[in-house]
Amino acid sequence: MRSLHAAYPAPEHPVSSHLVPNSHTVKYWLMKSEPGVYGIDDLARQNKQTDHWDGIRNYQARNFMRDEMQAGDLAFFYHSSCEQPGIVGIITIARPGYPDHTAFDPDEKYYDPKSSPDAPRWYMVDVTLERKLDRVITLQELKQQSTLRDMQLLQRGNRLSIMPVTRREWNHILKLEHRQE
């Protein structure tokens, strides 16, 4: 896997040092989770700070994981449905999409009787914590950024738990981390 420098800026033009194995150009994502269910601190406590991102039951989000996310892609870890929703960290996609085993087990919260190992309906990825941000970049702050006005997260009615982020949005958000709110 490629080495990531501390700020994780996106390259203006992809070059060999910004490629991951198999010449895959890095994509950027935002992945939401409720901190009361599974937050960034839960990921930080995992062995090698890596865990699977399971339980996605939206077809568009599933398609992102199954068809587009690749090892080496970067994502913002976003805490949702909490007192202060916002971006709390940076994670790397450690393993691309594979069948979500929680869909096969009737004792699991995300069980789906229409999904089976032979015909999986739902997928997950493995993620690794790169770092927690120095501060939460709140949803309110993101909404105040004219540069981010087209960001999918900020669009009315958007409830996706996984969404793409453009290189421009990624870099702008990283600059916000050390700005006074």
Protein backbone atom coordinates (compact mmCIF):
# COMPACT_ATOMS: atom_id res chain seq x y z
CA MET A 1 0.00 0.00 0.00
CA ARG A 2 1.22 3.49 -0.71
CA SER A 3 2.55 5.81 1.96
CA LEU A 4 0.26 8.67 2.94
CA HIS A 5 1.68 11.93 4.22
CA ALA A 6 0.17 13.64 7.24
CA ALA A 7 -2.29 16.00 5.58
CA TYR A 8 -3.53 13.55 2.90
CA PRO A 9 -4.03 16.15 0.19
CA ALA A 10 -5.31 14.97 -3.15
CA PRO A 11 -2.90 15.33 -6.08
CA GLU A 12 -3.78 17.94 -8.67
CA HIS A 13 -2.72 15.51 -11.39
CA PRO A 14 -2.35 11.79 -10.69
CA VAL A 15 1.26 10.65 -10.90
CA SER A 16 2.88 7.36 -10.02
CA SER A 17 3.44 8.32 -6.37
CA HIS A 18 -0.30 8.86 -5.97
CA LEU A 19 -1.32 5.51 -7.37
CA VAL A 20 -2.06 2.39 -5.41
CA PRO A 21 -1.31 -1.17 -6.54
CA ASN A 22 -2.78 -2.13 -9.92
CA SER A 23 -2.52 1.51 -11.06
CA HIS A 24 -5.76 2.44 -9.31
CA THR A 25 -6.14 6.19 -8.95
CA VAL A 26 -7.26 7.09 -5.44
CA LYS A 27 -10.93 8.00 -5.01
CA TYR A 28 -12.34 9.95 -2.11
CA TRP A 29 -15.41 9.12 -0.03
CA LEU A 30 -17.43 10.12 2.99
CA MET A 31 -18.73 7.33 5.22
CA LYS A 32 -21.33 8.03 7.91
CA SER A 33 -21.82 6.16 11.16
CA GLU A 34 -23.70 6.96 14.33
CA PRO A 35 -21.15 7.27 17.16
CA GLY A 36 -23.55 5.55 19.57
CA VAL A 37 -23.58 2.52 17.27
CA TYR A 38 -20.02 2.53 15.91
CA GLY A 39 -17.83 5.62 16.17
CA ILE A 40 -14.29 6.49 15.34
CA ASP A 41 -13.16 5.50 18.83
CA ASP A 42 -14.56 2.00 18.22
CA LEU A 43 -12.45 1.74 15.08
CA ALA A 44 -9.40 3.05 16.95
CA ARG A 45 -9.73 0.19 19.47
CA GLN A 46 -9.76 -2.55 16.81
CA ASN A 47 -6.76 -4.74 16.10
CA LYS A 48 -4.57 -2.78 13.66
CA GLN A 49 -7.30 -0.10 13.79
CA THR A 50 -9.04 -2.02 10.99
CA ASP A 51 -12.59 -3.34 10.80
CA HIS A 52 -15.28 -4.20 8.29
CA TRP A 53 -17.91 -1.56 7.43
CA ASP A 54 -21.07 -3.66 7.47
CA GLY A 55 -24.82 -3.20 7.66
CA ILE A 56 -25.25 -1.01 4.58
CA ARG A 57 -28.78 -1.65 3.28
CA ASN A 58 -29.13 1.00 0.59
CA TYR A 59 -28.55 -0.12 -2.99
CA GLN A 60 -26.70 3.00 -4.13
CA ALA A 61 -24.32 2.88 -1.14
CA ARG A 62 -23.91 -0.87 -1.69
CA ASN A 63 -23.01 -0.25 -5.33
CA PHE A 64 -20.31 2.24 -4.30
CA MET A 65 -18.76 -0.41 -2.04
CA ARG A 66 -19.20 -3.31 -4.45
CA ASP A 67 -18.26 -1.59 -7.71
CA GLU A 68 -16.15 1.49 -7.01
CA MET A 69 -14.26 1.42 -3.70
CA GLN A 70 -10.74 0.05 -3.98
CA ALA A 71 -7.94 -0.63 -1.53
CA GLY A 72 -6.07 2.62 -0.99
CA ASP A 73 -9.04 4.92 -1.47
CA LEU A 74 -9.49 7.50 1.29
CA ALA A 75 -12.64 8.44 3.17
CA PHE A 76 -13.77 10.91 5.75
CA PHE A 77 -15.28 9.22 8.82
CA TYR A 78 -18.45 11.20 9.57
CA HIS A 79 -20.44 11.01 12.81
CA SER A 80 -24.16 11.33 12.08
CA SER A 81 -27.36 11.41 14.12
CA CYS A 82 -25.61 12.90 17.12
CA GLU A 83 -25.36 16.19 19.00
CA GLN A 84 -22.59 17.53 16.73
CA PRO A 85 -22.61 15.77 13.34
CA GLY A 86 -19.42 16.18 11.37
CA ILE A 87 -16.20 14.79 10.00
CA VAL A 88 -14.07 13.26 12.76
CA GLY A 89 -11.32 11.38 10.96
CA ILE A 90 -9.70 9.90 7.89
CA ILE A 91 -9.88 6.22 7.00
CA THR A 92 -8.39 4.13 4.20
CA ILE A 93 -10.25 1.45 2.33
CA ALA A 94 -8.17 -1.59 3.29
CA ARG A 95 -10.13 -4.22 1.35
CA PRO A 96 -12.52 -3.64 -1.55
CA GLY A 97 -16.14 -4.78 -1.51
CA TYR A 98 -17.01 -8.35 -0.54
CA PRO A 99 -20.26 -10.00 0.60
CA ASP A 100 -21.61 -8.74 3.93
CA HIS A 101 -21.81 -11.87 6.08
CA THR A 102 -24.16 -10.16 8.57
CA ALA A 103 -26.90 -10.46 5.94
CA PHE A 104 -26.74 -14.29 6.12
CA ASP A 105 -27.13 -14.70 9.88
CA PRO A 106 -30.69 -14.59 11.31
CA ASP A 107 -29.25 -13.51 14.68
CA GLU A 108 -27.63 -10.40 13.20
CA LYS A 109 -29.28 -6.97 13.25
CA TYR A 110 -28.79 -6.62 9.48
CA TYR A 111 -30.03 -10.09 8.48
CA ASP A 112 -31.68 -10.27 5.06
CA PRO A 113 -33.39 -13.59 4.23
CA LYS A 114 -33.14 -12.77 0.50
CA SER A 115 -29.34 -12.62 0.66
CA SER A 116 -27.19 -15.76 0.67
CA PRO A 117 -23.50 -16.62 0.24
CA ASP A 118 -24.33 -17.95 -3.25
CA ALA A 119 -26.29 -14.83 -4.21
CA PRO A 120 -25.19 -12.00 -1.92
CA ARG A 121 -27.34 -8.89 -1.97
CA TRP A 122 -25.22 -6.75 0.38
CA TYR A 123 -21.52 -5.89 0.46
CA MET A 124 -19.03 -4.37 2.86
CA VAL A 125 -15.47 -3.07 2.78
CA ASP A 126 -12.69 -3.13 5.35
CA VAL A 127 -11.42 0.22 6.60
CA THR A 128 -8.34 1.29 8.54
CA LEU A 129 -8.10 4.39 10.68
CA GLU A 130 -5.43 6.74 9.38
CA ARG A 131 -6.01 9.43 11.98
CA LYS A 132 -8.58 11.32 13.97
CA LEU A 133 -8.91 14.95 12.99
CA ASP A 134 -7.61 17.55 15.42
CA ARG A 135 -11.18 18.80 15.73
CA VAL A 136 -14.63 17.93 14.41
CA ILE A 137 -15.46 19.70 11.17
CA THR A 138 -19.14 20.17 11.80
CA LEU A 139 -22.00 19.86 9.35
CA GLN A 140 -22.83 23.50 10.14
CA GLU A 141 -19.32 24.58 9.16
CA LEU A 142 -19.44 22.54 5.96
CA LYS A 143 -22.73 24.21 5.02
CA GLN A 144 -21.08 27.64 5.35
CA GLN A 145 -18.45 26.85 2.69
CA SER A 146 -19.37 28.16 -0.76
CA THR A 147 -16.74 25.84 -2.27
CA LEU A 148 -18.76 22.88 -0.96
CA ARG A 149 -22.20 24.00 -2.14
CA ASP A 150 -22.42 21.07 -4.61
CA MET A 151 -21.13 18.46 -2.17
CA GLN A 152 -23.49 15.49 -2.08
CA LEU A 153 -23.60 15.48 1.73
CA LEU A 154 -25.07 18.97 1.73
CA GLN A 155 -27.82 18.35 -0.81
CA ARG A 156 -31.38 18.47 0.47
CA GLY A 157 -32.86 15.05 1.08
CA ASN A 158 -29.54 13.21 0.87
CA ARG A 159 -29.57 10.33 3.34
CA LEU A 160 -26.86 8.11 1.85
CA SER A 161 -24.41 6.71 4.38
CA ILE A 162 -21.63 6.42 1.79
CA MET A 163 -20.97 8.97 -0.93
CA PRO A 164 -18.18 10.12 -3.22
CA VAL A 165 -16.22 13.28 -2.48
CA THR A 166 -14.44 15.22 -5.21
CA ARG A 167 -10.73 16.00 -5.00
CA ARG A 168 -11.58 19.70 -4.69
CA GLU A 169 -14.01 19.05 -1.81
CA TRP A 170 -11.47 16.74 -0.10
CA ASN A 171 -8.69 19.34 -0.20
CA HIS A 172 -10.96 22.17 0.94
CA ILE A 173 -12.23 20.15 3.91
CA LEU A 174 -8.68 19.26 4.98
CA LYS A 175 -7.81 22.97 5.03
CA LEU A 176 -10.71 23.58 7.40
CA GLU A 177 -9.22 21.32 10.08
CA HIS A 178 -6.77 23.96 11.33
CA ARG A 179 -9.01 26.95 10.76
CA GLN A 180 -10.83 28.48 13.71
CA GLU A 181 -14.52 27.66 13.52
